[in-house]
Amino acid sequence: MKDILAFLGANVDGKTLFTKELVYKLENDALQGVYSDQISFSNLKHSQSGFQLDMFIVSNEKIWLMGADGQREELRKDFSGVSLFRFELAKRKSTNAMTGSFRLISASGKNVAAEAVISGIYDIRFENKVLKLMEDQVLYRDQPVQGGRFKPVAFQSEHRFYCKDGKLHYEYDGKSFDVDAKTMRRIESPDLFPPFLSVEK
């Protein structure tokens, strides 16, 4: 934990990063998502056994219904807003590993996809000057589909923090799963999301 805290204190806490606009496709190209953001990390606090770190995101995310000609036809959902998330982690004596949670603290806007959603954080490691951790969403969240409807989905993802050319880089690489809301069984989704890369200016 000492190395992780030292890295976070020196390179992450107090830093602001920017994600360039990314385009992704949903529902076999029937929908198109467009995303960009500004991310700030702050409020690093630690105890004898763990730590917390806040992640403040100003996001611009719109999902469009696509026409037969491949052009944007109708704005299906606007998830743009301001959100505050928190990592909370602690070292487990049973395994000598760190685990914890990632959750939404507060958000603006009427359409908050991450509201009342919590993720488990595990497999935290500091390798070759890269801080890596795995995230697994508990239960499910909503994702727009055609016909004005939604479907339940959950994400598993890897977060990576590293410095390059003196600037902090943050990568989020997530995989989407469709969820059977009765059995909680997950099925790998055909929806593919590109890795999201945020860089300090």
N, C-alpha and C. Protein backbone atom coordinates (compact mmCIF):
# COMPACT_ATOMS: atom_id res chain seq x y z
N MET A 1 0.82 -1.20 0.00
CA MET A 1 0.00 0.00 0.00
C MET A 1 0.86 1.26 0.00
N LYS A 2 2.04 1.17 0.58
CA LYS A 2 2.93 2.33 0.66
C LYS A 2 3.27 2.86 -0.72
N ASP A 3 3.63 1.98 -1.65
CA ASP A 3 3.99 2.40 -3.01
C ASP A 3 2.80 3.01 -3.73
N ILE A 4 1.60 2.43 -3.53
CA ILE A 4 0.40 2.93 -4.18
C ILE A 4 0.07 4.34 -3.68
N LEU A 5 0.12 4.53 -2.36
CA LEU A 5 -0.16 5.85 -1.80
C LEU A 5 0.85 6.89 -2.25
N ALA A 6 2.11 6.49 -2.33
CA ALA A 6 3.14 7.42 -2.79
C ALA A 6 2.89 7.84 -4.23
N PHE A 7 2.50 6.89 -5.07
CA PHE A 7 2.21 7.20 -6.48
C PHE A 7 0.99 8.12 -6.59
N LEU A 8 -0.07 7.79 -5.85
CA LEU A 8 -1.29 8.61 -5.91
C LEU A 8 -1.02 10.02 -5.41
N GLY A 9 -0.28 10.14 -4.31
CA GLY A 9 0.00 11.46 -3.75
C GLY A 9 0.86 12.32 -4.66
N ALA A 10 1.82 11.70 -5.34
CA ALA A 10 2.74 12.46 -6.18
C ALA A 10 2.20 12.74 -7.57
N ASN A 11 1.35 11.84 -8.09
CA ASN A 11 1.00 11.92 -9.52
C ASN A 11 -0.50 12.05 -9.84
N VAL A 12 -1.38 11.72 -8.89
CA VAL A 12 -2.81 11.67 -9.19
C VAL A 12 -3.61 12.71 -8.43
N ASP A 13 -3.44 12.77 -7.12
CA ASP A 13 -4.22 13.69 -6.29
C ASP A 13 -3.97 15.13 -6.71
N GLY A 14 -5.05 15.86 -6.98
CA GLY A 14 -4.95 17.26 -7.39
C GLY A 14 -4.78 17.48 -8.87
N LYS A 15 -4.80 16.43 -9.66
CA LYS A 15 -4.58 16.55 -11.11
C LYS A 15 -5.91 16.58 -11.87
N THR A 16 -5.92 17.31 -13.01
CA THR A 16 -7.08 17.38 -13.90
C THR A 16 -6.67 16.86 -15.26
N LEU A 17 -7.50 15.99 -15.83
CA LEU A 17 -7.22 15.36 -17.12
C LEU A 17 -8.39 15.59 -18.07
N PHE A 18 -8.12 15.37 -19.37
CA PHE A 18 -9.13 15.61 -20.40
C PHE A 18 -9.21 14.41 -21.34
N THR A 19 -10.44 14.02 -21.67
CA THR A 19 -10.68 12.93 -22.62
C THR A 19 -11.19 13.52 -23.92
N LYS A 20 -10.47 13.26 -25.01
CA LYS A 20 -10.92 13.73 -26.32
C LYS A 20 -12.18 12.98 -26.74
N GLU A 21 -12.93 13.58 -27.64
CA GLU A 21 -14.20 13.00 -28.07
C GLU A 21 -14.02 11.60 -28.67
N LEU A 22 -14.83 10.66 -28.16
CA LEU A 22 -14.83 9.28 -28.64
C LEU A 22 -16.22 8.93 -29.15
N VAL A 23 -16.25 8.11 -30.19
CA VAL A 23 -17.52 7.65 -30.76
C VAL A 23 -17.60 6.14 -30.61
N TYR A 24 -18.74 5.63 -30.14
CA TYR A 24 -18.94 4.19 -30.01
C TYR A 24 -20.32 3.82 -30.54
N LYS A 25 -20.51 2.54 -30.85
CA LYS A 25 -21.76 2.06 -31.44
C LYS A 25 -22.44 1.06 -30.52
N LEU A 26 -23.78 1.11 -30.51
CA LEU A 26 -24.58 0.21 -29.69
C LEU A 26 -25.66 -0.44 -30.53
N GLU A 27 -26.17 -1.58 -30.04
CA GLU A 27 -27.31 -2.25 -30.66
C GLU A 27 -27.09 -2.48 -32.15
N ASN A 28 -25.94 -3.10 -32.48
CA ASN A 28 -25.63 -3.42 -33.88
C ASN A 28 -25.72 -2.19 -34.79
N ASP A 29 -25.14 -1.10 -34.32
CA ASP A 29 -25.03 0.16 -35.07
C ASP A 29 -26.33 0.96 -35.14
N ALA A 30 -27.37 0.51 -34.42
CA ALA A 30 -28.62 1.27 -34.43
C ALA A 30 -28.51 2.56 -33.62
N LEU A 31 -27.59 2.57 -32.65
CA LEU A 31 -27.36 3.74 -31.82
C LEU A 31 -25.88 4.11 -31.88
N GLN A 32 -25.61 5.40 -31.70
CA GLN A 32 -24.23 5.87 -31.67
C GLN A 32 -24.04 6.77 -30.46
N GLY A 33 -22.97 6.49 -29.70
CA GLY A 33 -22.66 7.31 -28.55
C GLY A 33 -21.47 8.20 -28.83
N VAL A 34 -21.50 9.41 -28.28
CA VAL A 34 -20.40 10.38 -28.42
C VAL A 34 -20.05 10.87 -27.03
N TYR A 35 -18.77 10.74 -26.65
CA TYR A 35 -18.38 11.02 -25.27
C TYR A 35 -17.07 11.81 -25.19
N SER A 36 -17.03 12.79 -24.28
CA SER A 36 -15.80 13.48 -23.90
C SER A 36 -15.98 13.94 -22.46
N ASP A 37 -14.85 14.25 -21.79
CA ASP A 37 -14.99 14.68 -20.39
C ASP A 37 -13.75 15.42 -19.89
N GLN A 38 -13.91 15.93 -18.68
CA GLN A 38 -12.81 16.49 -17.89
C GLN A 38 -12.86 15.81 -16.53
N ILE A 39 -11.73 15.23 -16.08
CA ILE A 39 -11.68 14.46 -14.84
C ILE A 39 -10.70 15.10 -13.87
N SER A 40 -11.12 15.28 -12.62
CA SER A 40 -10.23 15.78 -11.58
C SER A 40 -10.20 14.79 -10.42
N PHE A 41 -9.00 14.52 -9.92
CA PHE A 41 -8.83 13.63 -8.77
C PHE A 41 -8.44 14.48 -7.56
N SER A 42 -9.05 14.19 -6.41
CA SER A 42 -8.79 15.01 -5.22
C SER A 42 -9.15 14.23 -3.95
N ASN A 43 -8.88 14.89 -2.82
CA ASN A 43 -9.32 14.41 -1.52
C ASN A 43 -8.73 13.05 -1.15
N LEU A 44 -7.47 12.82 -1.49
CA LEU A 44 -6.81 11.58 -1.09
C LEU A 44 -6.63 11.56 0.42
N LYS A 45 -7.19 10.56 1.05
CA LYS A 45 -7.07 10.38 2.50
C LYS A 45 -6.71 8.92 2.78
N HIS A 46 -5.94 8.70 3.84
CA HIS A 46 -5.58 7.32 4.14
C HIS A 46 -5.57 7.07 5.64
N SER A 47 -5.75 5.80 5.98
CA SER A 47 -5.70 5.34 7.36
C SER A 47 -4.60 4.29 7.45
N GLN A 48 -4.53 3.58 8.55
CA GLN A 48 -3.52 2.53 8.68
C GLN A 48 -3.77 1.38 7.73
N SER A 49 -5.02 1.17 7.34
CA SER A 49 -5.34 -0.01 6.52
C SER A 49 -5.89 0.30 5.14
N GLY A 50 -6.16 1.56 4.82
CA GLY A 50 -6.77 1.84 3.52
C GLY A 50 -6.71 3.31 3.13
N PHE A 51 -7.43 3.64 2.06
CA PHE A 51 -7.45 5.02 1.59
C PHE A 51 -8.70 5.27 0.76
N GLN A 52 -8.98 6.55 0.50
CA GLN A 52 -10.06 6.95 -0.40
C GLN A 52 -9.55 8.03 -1.33
N LEU A 53 -10.17 8.11 -2.51
CA LEU A 53 -9.82 9.11 -3.52
C LEU A 53 -11.07 9.49 -4.28
N ASP A 54 -11.30 10.80 -4.43
CA ASP A 54 -12.48 11.27 -5.16
C ASP A 54 -12.14 11.51 -6.63
N MET A 55 -13.15 11.28 -7.47
CA MET A 55 -13.02 11.44 -8.92
C MET A 55 -14.20 12.30 -9.38
N PHE A 56 -13.89 13.53 -9.81
CA PHE A 56 -14.90 14.51 -10.21
C PHE A 56 -14.92 14.59 -11.73
N ILE A 57 -16.06 14.30 -12.35
CA ILE A 57 -16.15 14.22 -13.81
C ILE A 57 -17.17 15.22 -14.36
N VAL A 58 -16.73 16.03 -15.29
CA VAL A 58 -17.63 16.89 -16.09
C VAL A 58 -17.71 16.22 -17.46
N SER A 59 -18.83 15.59 -17.74
CA SER A 59 -18.93 14.77 -18.95
C SER A 59 -19.91 15.34 -19.96
N ASN A 60 -19.63 15.01 -21.22
CA ASN A 60 -20.52 15.35 -22.32
C ASN A 60 -20.78 14.05 -23.08
N GLU A 61 -21.93 13.45 -22.85
CA GLU A 61 -22.24 12.15 -23.47
C GLU A 61 -23.65 12.17 -24.05
N LYS A 62 -23.73 11.94 -25.35
CA LYS A 62 -25.02 11.88 -26.03
C LYS A 62 -25.12 10.58 -26.81
N ILE A 63 -26.31 10.00 -26.83
CA ILE A 63 -26.57 8.78 -27.59
C ILE A 63 -27.63 9.08 -28.64
N TRP A 64 -27.27 8.79 -29.89
CA TRP A 64 -28.12 9.13 -31.04
C TRP A 64 -28.70 7.88 -31.67
N LEU A 65 -29.96 8.01 -32.11
CA LEU A 65 -30.59 6.98 -32.94
C LEU A 65 -30.12 7.22 -34.38
N MET A 66 -29.61 6.17 -35.01
CA MET A 66 -29.05 6.29 -36.35
C MET A 66 -30.08 5.90 -37.41
N GLY A 67 -30.07 6.63 -38.53
CA GLY A 67 -30.96 6.33 -39.63
C GLY A 67 -30.38 5.27 -40.55
N ALA A 68 -31.19 4.83 -41.51
CA ALA A 68 -30.74 3.80 -42.45
C ALA A 68 -29.57 4.28 -43.31
N ASP A 69 -29.44 5.60 -43.44
CA ASP A 69 -28.35 6.16 -44.24
C ASP A 69 -27.06 6.35 -43.44
N GLY A 70 -27.08 5.89 -42.17
CA GLY A 70 -25.89 6.01 -41.34
C GLY A 70 -25.70 7.38 -40.72
N GLN A 71 -26.70 8.25 -40.83
CA GLN A 71 -26.62 9.59 -40.25
C GLN A 71 -27.42 9.65 -38.95
N ARG A 72 -27.01 10.56 -38.06
CA ARG A 72 -27.74 10.73 -36.80
C ARG A 72 -29.14 11.27 -37.08
N GLU A 73 -30.12 10.58 -36.51
CA GLU A 73 -31.51 10.88 -36.82
C GLU A 73 -32.23 11.57 -35.66
N GLU A 74 -31.95 11.10 -34.43
CA GLU A 74 -32.67 11.63 -33.27
C GLU A 74 -31.81 11.44 -32.02
N LEU A 75 -31.80 12.46 -31.15
CA LEU A 75 -31.09 12.34 -29.89
C LEU A 75 -31.87 11.42 -28.97
N ARG A 76 -31.28 10.27 -28.67
CA ARG A 76 -31.97 9.26 -27.85
C ARG A 76 -31.83 9.55 -26.36
N LYS A 77 -30.64 9.98 -25.93
CA LYS A 77 -30.42 10.27 -24.52
C LYS A 77 -29.22 11.18 -24.35
N ASP A 78 -29.33 12.12 -23.42
CA ASP A 78 -28.23 13.01 -23.09
C ASP A 78 -27.82 12.74 -21.64
N PHE A 79 -26.67 12.10 -21.47
CA PHE A 79 -26.17 11.76 -20.14
C PHE A 79 -25.15 12.79 -19.63
N SER A 80 -25.06 13.94 -20.29
CA SER A 80 -24.09 14.96 -19.89
C SER A 80 -24.39 15.47 -18.49
N GLY A 81 -23.33 15.79 -17.74
CA GLY A 81 -23.54 16.30 -16.40
C GLY A 81 -22.26 16.34 -15.60
N VAL A 82 -22.41 16.61 -14.33
CA VAL A 82 -21.29 16.69 -13.39
C VAL A 82 -21.50 15.61 -12.33
N SER A 83 -20.47 14.78 -12.10
CA SER A 83 -20.60 13.66 -11.18
C SER A 83 -19.39 13.58 -10.26
N LEU A 84 -19.64 13.16 -9.03
CA LEU A 84 -18.58 12.91 -8.07
C LEU A 84 -18.62 11.43 -7.67
N PHE A 85 -17.51 10.73 -7.93
CA PHE A 85 -17.35 9.33 -7.57
C PHE A 85 -16.28 9.20 -6.49
N ARG A 86 -16.30 8.07 -5.78
CA ARG A 86 -15.29 7.86 -4.74
C ARG A 86 -14.78 6.42 -4.75
N PHE A 87 -13.45 6.29 -4.77
CA PHE A 87 -12.79 5.01 -4.53
C PHE A 87 -12.58 4.88 -3.02
N GLU A 88 -12.95 3.73 -2.45
CA GLU A 88 -12.69 3.44 -1.04
C GLU A 88 -12.08 2.05 -0.96
N LEU A 89 -10.83 1.95 -0.47
CA LEU A 89 -10.11 0.69 -0.49
C LEU A 89 -9.45 0.41 0.84
N ALA A 90 -9.31 -0.89 1.15
CA ALA A 90 -8.67 -1.30 2.39
C ALA A 90 -7.90 -2.60 2.17
N LYS A 91 -6.84 -2.78 2.95
CA LYS A 91 -6.02 -3.98 2.86
C LYS A 91 -6.65 -5.09 3.70
N ARG A 92 -6.75 -6.29 3.12
CA ARG A 92 -7.35 -7.44 3.80
C ARG A 92 -6.25 -8.31 4.41
N LYS A 93 -6.36 -8.55 5.69
CA LYS A 93 -5.36 -9.34 6.38
C LYS A 93 -5.37 -10.80 5.90
N SER A 94 -6.53 -11.28 5.47
CA SER A 94 -6.65 -12.68 5.06
C SER A 94 -5.86 -12.99 3.81
N THR A 95 -5.71 -12.01 2.92
CA THR A 95 -5.04 -12.24 1.62
C THR A 95 -3.86 -11.31 1.38
N ASN A 96 -3.72 -10.29 2.22
CA ASN A 96 -2.70 -9.27 2.04
C ASN A 96 -2.94 -8.43 0.77
N ALA A 97 -4.16 -8.51 0.23
CA ALA A 97 -4.54 -7.75 -0.97
C ALA A 97 -5.47 -6.61 -0.58
N MET A 98 -5.62 -5.66 -1.51
CA MET A 98 -6.53 -4.55 -1.28
C MET A 98 -7.80 -4.74 -2.11
N THR A 99 -8.94 -4.50 -1.49
CA THR A 99 -10.22 -4.52 -2.19
C THR A 99 -11.05 -3.35 -1.69
N GLY A 100 -12.14 -3.07 -2.38
CA GLY A 100 -12.98 -1.97 -1.93
C GLY A 100 -14.11 -1.69 -2.89
N SER A 101 -14.49 -0.43 -2.98
CA SER A 101 -15.65 -0.05 -3.77
C SER A 101 -15.40 1.23 -4.54
N PHE A 102 -16.23 1.42 -5.58
CA PHE A 102 -16.26 2.62 -6.40
C PHE A 102 -17.72 2.98 -6.55
N ARG A 103 -18.11 4.19 -6.14
CA ARG A 103 -19.53 4.51 -6.14
C ARG A 103 -19.76 5.99 -6.43
N LEU A 104 -20.98 6.27 -6.89
CA LEU A 104 -21.40 7.65 -7.13
C LEU A 104 -21.76 8.30 -5.81
N ILE A 105 -21.23 9.51 -5.57
CA ILE A 105 -21.58 10.27 -4.38
C ILE A 105 -22.71 11.25 -4.68
N SER A 106 -22.58 11.97 -5.80
CA SER A 106 -23.62 12.92 -6.20
C SER A 106 -23.45 13.24 -7.67
N ALA A 107 -24.53 13.76 -8.27
CA ALA A 107 -24.49 14.09 -9.70
C ALA A 107 -25.57 15.11 -10.03
N SER A 108 -25.31 15.88 -11.10
CA SER A 108 -26.31 16.80 -11.61
C SER A 108 -27.08 16.13 -12.74
N GLY A 109 -28.14 16.77 -13.18
CA GLY A 109 -28.89 16.25 -14.33
C GLY A 109 -30.00 15.30 -13.93
N LYS A 110 -30.89 15.06 -14.89
CA LYS A 110 -32.04 14.19 -14.65
C LYS A 110 -31.77 12.74 -15.04
N ASN A 111 -30.81 12.53 -15.93
CA ASN A 111 -30.52 11.17 -16.42
C ASN A 111 -29.15 10.73 -15.92
N VAL A 112 -29.11 10.18 -14.73
CA VAL A 112 -27.85 9.76 -14.10
C VAL A 112 -27.78 8.24 -14.15
N ALA A 113 -27.05 7.73 -15.14
CA ALA A 113 -27.00 6.28 -15.34
C ALA A 113 -26.36 5.55 -14.18
N ALA A 114 -25.43 6.21 -13.47
CA ALA A 114 -24.69 5.55 -12.40
C ALA A 114 -25.35 5.70 -11.03
N GLU A 115 -26.54 6.30 -10.97
CA GLU A 115 -27.20 6.50 -9.68
C GLU A 115 -27.51 5.15 -9.02
N ALA A 116 -27.17 5.05 -7.73
CA ALA A 116 -27.41 3.83 -6.93
C ALA A 116 -26.73 2.59 -7.52
N VAL A 117 -25.62 2.80 -8.22
CA VAL A 117 -24.81 1.69 -8.75
C VAL A 117 -23.47 1.70 -8.02
N ILE A 118 -23.03 0.53 -7.58
CA ILE A 118 -21.75 0.42 -6.89
C ILE A 118 -20.92 -0.67 -7.55
N SER A 119 -19.61 -0.48 -7.55
CA SER A 119 -18.70 -1.46 -8.15
C SER A 119 -17.74 -1.99 -7.09
N GLY A 120 -17.35 -3.25 -7.24
CA GLY A 120 -16.28 -3.80 -6.43
C GLY A 120 -14.95 -3.53 -7.11
N ILE A 121 -13.94 -3.19 -6.33
CA ILE A 121 -12.59 -2.94 -6.84
C ILE A 121 -11.66 -4.02 -6.27
N TYR A 122 -10.86 -4.62 -7.15
CA TYR A 122 -9.98 -5.71 -6.73
C TYR A 122 -8.77 -5.79 -7.68
N ASP A 123 -7.88 -6.73 -7.39
CA ASP A 123 -6.67 -6.96 -8.21
C ASP A 123 -5.91 -5.65 -8.42
N ILE A 124 -5.66 -4.94 -7.33
CA ILE A 124 -4.93 -3.68 -7.39
C ILE A 124 -3.44 -4.00 -7.35
N ARG A 125 -2.70 -3.46 -8.32
CA ARG A 125 -1.27 -3.76 -8.38
C ARG A 125 -0.52 -2.60 -9.02
N PHE A 126 0.72 -2.45 -8.60
CA PHE A 126 1.59 -1.41 -9.13
C PHE A 126 2.74 -2.12 -9.83
N GLU A 127 2.68 -2.13 -11.19
CA GLU A 127 3.63 -2.88 -11.99
C GLU A 127 4.27 -1.97 -13.04
N ASN A 128 5.61 -1.99 -13.09
CA ASN A 128 6.34 -1.22 -14.10
C ASN A 128 5.87 0.24 -14.15
N LYS A 129 5.68 0.83 -12.98
CA LYS A 129 5.27 2.23 -12.82
C LYS A 129 3.86 2.51 -13.33
N VAL A 130 3.04 1.45 -13.45
CA VAL A 130 1.63 1.58 -13.84
C VAL A 130 0.76 1.05 -12.71
N LEU A 131 -0.16 1.88 -12.22
CA LEU A 131 -1.11 1.45 -11.20
C LEU A 131 -2.35 0.89 -11.91
N LYS A 132 -2.66 -0.39 -11.64
CA LYS A 132 -3.78 -1.06 -12.30
C LYS A 132 -4.79 -1.54 -11.26
N LEU A 133 -6.04 -1.50 -11.61
CA LEU A 133 -7.07 -2.05 -10.74
C LEU A 133 -8.25 -2.50 -11.58
N MET A 134 -8.95 -3.50 -11.09
CA MET A 134 -10.12 -4.05 -11.78
C MET A 134 -11.40 -3.56 -11.11
N GLU A 135 -12.42 -3.31 -11.93
CA GLU A 135 -13.73 -2.88 -11.45
C GLU A 135 -14.79 -3.84 -11.96
N ASP A 136 -15.70 -4.22 -11.09
CA ASP A 136 -16.80 -5.12 -11.46
C ASP A 136 -18.09 -4.53 -10.90
N GLN A 137 -18.99 -4.06 -11.78
CA GLN A 137 -20.24 -3.46 -11.32
C GLN A 137 -21.14 -4.51 -10.68
N VAL A 138 -21.72 -4.14 -9.55
CA VAL A 138 -22.67 -5.01 -8.86
C VAL A 138 -24.06 -4.82 -9.48
N LEU A 139 -24.82 -5.89 -9.59
CA LEU A 139 -26.17 -5.86 -10.17
C LEU A 139 -26.11 -5.30 -11.60
N TYR A 140 -26.81 -4.17 -11.90
CA TYR A 140 -26.86 -3.68 -13.28
C TYR A 140 -27.27 -2.22 -13.32
N ARG A 141 -27.09 -1.61 -14.49
CA ARG A 141 -27.54 -0.25 -14.76
C ARG A 141 -28.31 -0.24 -16.06
N ASP A 142 -28.89 0.90 -16.42
CA ASP A 142 -29.68 1.01 -17.65
C ASP A 142 -28.81 1.43 -18.83
N GLN A 143 -29.16 0.90 -20.01
CA GLN A 143 -28.53 1.36 -21.25
C GLN A 143 -29.63 1.52 -22.31
N PRO A 144 -29.67 2.64 -23.03
CA PRO A 144 -30.72 2.85 -24.04
C PRO A 144 -30.63 1.83 -25.17
N VAL A 145 -31.80 1.43 -25.68
CA VAL A 145 -31.90 0.61 -26.87
C VAL A 145 -32.94 1.26 -27.79
N GLN A 146 -33.28 0.58 -28.88
CA GLN A 146 -34.24 1.16 -29.81
C GLN A 146 -35.64 1.22 -29.19
N GLY A 147 -36.50 2.00 -29.84
CA GLY A 147 -37.90 2.06 -29.44
C GLY A 147 -38.15 2.77 -28.13
N GLY A 148 -37.21 3.61 -27.70
CA GLY A 148 -37.40 4.35 -26.45
C GLY A 148 -37.27 3.49 -25.21
N ARG A 149 -36.74 2.28 -25.34
CA ARG A 149 -36.63 1.35 -24.21
C ARG A 149 -35.20 1.34 -23.65
N PHE A 150 -35.01 0.57 -22.59
CA PHE A 150 -33.71 0.38 -21.97
C PHE A 150 -33.49 -1.11 -21.71
N LYS A 151 -32.22 -1.48 -21.54
CA LYS A 151 -31.90 -2.85 -21.15
C LYS A 151 -30.93 -2.83 -19.97
N PRO A 152 -30.94 -3.87 -19.13
CA PRO A 152 -30.00 -3.92 -18.01
C PRO A 152 -28.62 -4.41 -18.47
N VAL A 153 -27.58 -3.68 -18.07
CA VAL A 153 -26.20 -4.04 -18.43
C VAL A 153 -25.31 -3.87 -17.20
N ALA A 154 -24.16 -4.54 -17.24
CA ALA A 154 -23.14 -4.36 -16.21
C ALA A 154 -21.78 -4.32 -16.90
N PHE A 155 -20.84 -3.63 -16.29
CA PHE A 155 -19.51 -3.47 -16.88
C PHE A 155 -18.44 -4.11 -16.00
N GLN A 156 -17.46 -4.70 -16.64
CA GLN A 156 -16.21 -5.10 -16.00
C GLN A 156 -15.11 -4.31 -16.70
N SER A 157 -14.21 -3.74 -15.95
CA SER A 157 -13.23 -2.86 -16.58
C SER A 157 -11.92 -2.86 -15.83
N GLU A 158 -10.88 -2.42 -16.55
CA GLU A 158 -9.57 -2.20 -15.94
C GLU A 158 -9.25 -0.72 -15.99
N HIS A 159 -8.79 -0.18 -14.87
CA HIS A 159 -8.34 1.20 -14.79
C HIS A 159 -6.81 1.18 -14.74
N ARG A 160 -6.18 2.10 -15.45
CA ARG A 160 -4.72 2.18 -15.45
C ARG A 160 -4.28 3.64 -15.30
N PHE A 161 -3.38 3.87 -14.36
CA PHE A 161 -2.80 5.20 -14.14
C PHE A 161 -1.30 5.11 -14.39
N TYR A 162 -0.76 6.03 -15.18
CA TYR A 162 0.68 6.05 -15.41
C TYR A 162 1.10 7.44 -15.89
N CYS A 163 2.38 7.73 -15.77
CA CYS A 163 2.92 9.01 -16.23
C CYS A 163 3.72 8.80 -17.51
N LYS A 164 3.53 9.69 -18.46
CA LYS A 164 4.25 9.65 -19.73
C LYS A 164 4.56 11.07 -20.14
N ASP A 165 5.81 11.34 -20.45
CA ASP A 165 6.26 12.69 -20.82
C ASP A 165 5.89 13.71 -19.74
N GLY A 166 5.96 13.27 -18.48
CA GLY A 166 5.70 14.16 -17.36
C GLY A 166 4.23 14.45 -17.11
N LYS A 167 3.33 13.77 -17.82
CA LYS A 167 1.89 14.00 -17.68
C LYS A 167 1.19 12.72 -17.22
N LEU A 168 0.20 12.89 -16.34
CA LEU A 168 -0.59 11.75 -15.88
C LEU A 168 -1.52 11.28 -17.00
N HIS A 169 -1.56 9.98 -17.22
CA HIS A 169 -2.48 9.35 -18.16
C HIS A 169 -3.39 8.40 -17.37
N TYR A 170 -4.67 8.41 -17.72
CA TYR A 170 -5.64 7.52 -17.08
C TYR A 170 -6.42 6.78 -18.17
N GLU A 171 -6.37 5.46 -18.15
CA GLU A 171 -7.08 4.65 -19.14
C GLU A 171 -8.20 3.86 -18.47
N TYR A 172 -9.33 3.84 -19.15
CA TYR A 172 -10.47 3.03 -18.71
C TYR A 172 -10.84 2.11 -19.86
N ASP A 173 -10.72 0.81 -19.63
CA ASP A 173 -11.00 -0.17 -20.68
C ASP A 173 -12.10 -1.11 -20.17
N GLY A 174 -13.33 -0.91 -20.66
CA GLY A 174 -14.48 -1.63 -20.13
C GLY A 174 -15.13 -2.58 -21.12
N LYS A 175 -15.70 -3.64 -20.57
CA LYS A 175 -16.45 -4.62 -21.36
C LYS A 175 -17.88 -4.67 -20.83
N SER A 176 -18.85 -4.64 -21.76
CA SER A 176 -20.26 -4.62 -21.39
C SER A 176 -20.86 -6.02 -21.41
N PHE A 177 -21.75 -6.28 -20.44
CA PHE A 177 -22.48 -7.54 -20.37
C PHE A 177 -23.97 -7.25 -20.26
N ASP A 178 -24.78 -7.97 -21.04
CA ASP A 178 -26.23 -7.93 -20.85
C ASP A 178 -26.56 -8.76 -19.61
N VAL A 179 -27.55 -8.31 -18.84
CA VAL A 179 -27.87 -8.95 -17.56
C VAL A 179 -29.32 -9.44 -17.56
N ASP A 180 -29.51 -10.70 -17.15
CA ASP A 180 -30.85 -11.23 -16.89
C ASP A 180 -31.24 -10.75 -15.50
N ALA A 181 -32.18 -9.82 -15.41
CA ALA A 181 -32.50 -9.17 -14.15
C ALA A 181 -33.13 -10.12 -13.13
N LYS A 182 -33.63 -11.28 -13.58
CA LYS A 182 -34.22 -12.25 -12.64
C LYS A 182 -33.17 -13.16 -12.02
N THR A 183 -32.23 -13.62 -12.84
CA THR A 183 -31.21 -14.56 -12.35
C THR A 183 -29.87 -13.88 -12.08
N MET A 184 -29.70 -12.65 -12.55
CA MET A 184 -28.45 -11.89 -12.48
C MET A 184 -27.34 -12.54 -13.32
N ARG A 185 -27.72 -13.43 -14.21
CA ARG A 185 -26.74 -14.05 -15.10
C ARG A 185 -26.28 -13.04 -16.15
N ARG A 186 -24.98 -13.03 -16.43
CA ARG A 186 -24.42 -12.09 -17.39
C ARG A 186 -24.07 -12.80 -18.69
N ILE A 187 -24.38 -12.12 -19.79
CA ILE A 187 -24.05 -12.62 -21.12
C ILE A 187 -23.24 -11.53 -21.82
N GLU A 188 -22.11 -11.91 -22.41
CA GLU A 188 -21.26 -10.92 -23.06
C GLU A 188 -22.05 -10.18 -24.14
N SER A 189 -22.00 -8.87 -24.10
CA SER A 189 -22.79 -8.04 -25.01
C SER A 189 -22.07 -7.83 -26.33
N PRO A 190 -22.82 -7.69 -27.43
CA PRO A 190 -22.19 -7.34 -28.71
C PRO A 190 -21.75 -5.88 -28.76
N ASP A 191 -22.19 -5.08 -27.79
CA ASP A 191 -21.81 -3.67 -27.75
C ASP A 191 -20.34 -3.55 -27.35
N LEU A 192 -19.57 -2.87 -28.16
CA LEU A 192 -18.14 -2.71 -27.91
C LEU A 192 -17.81 -1.24 -27.65
N PHE A 193 -17.03 -1.02 -26.63
CA PHE A 193 -16.63 0.34 -26.27
C PHE A 193 -15.11 0.47 -26.45
N PRO A 194 -14.65 1.58 -27.04
CA PRO A 194 -13.20 1.77 -27.18
C PRO A 194 -12.60 2.10 -25.82
N PRO A 195 -11.31 1.87 -25.63
CA PRO A 195 -10.66 2.33 -24.40
C PRO A 195 -10.74 3.85 -24.30
N PHE A 196 -11.01 4.34 -23.11
CA PHE A 196 -11.08 5.78 -22.89
C PHE A 196 -9.74 6.23 -22.31
N LEU A 197 -9.13 7.23 -22.91
CA LEU A 197 -7.84 7.74 -22.46
C LEU A 197 -7.96 9.21 -22.09
N SER A 198 -7.63 9.52 -20.83
CA SER A 198 -7.63 10.90 -20.34
C SER A 198 -6.19 11.30 -20.05
N VAL A 199 -5.83 12.54 -20.43
CA VAL A 199 -4.44 12.98 -20.30
C VAL A 199 -4.40 14.36 -19.64
N GLU A 200 -3.45 14.52 -18.74
CA GLU A 200 -3.22 15.80 -18.10
C GLU A 200 -2.62 16.78 -19.11
N LYS A 201 -3.10 18.01 -19.10
CA LYS A 201 -2.56 19.02 -20.03
C LYS A 201 -1.36 19.73 -19.39
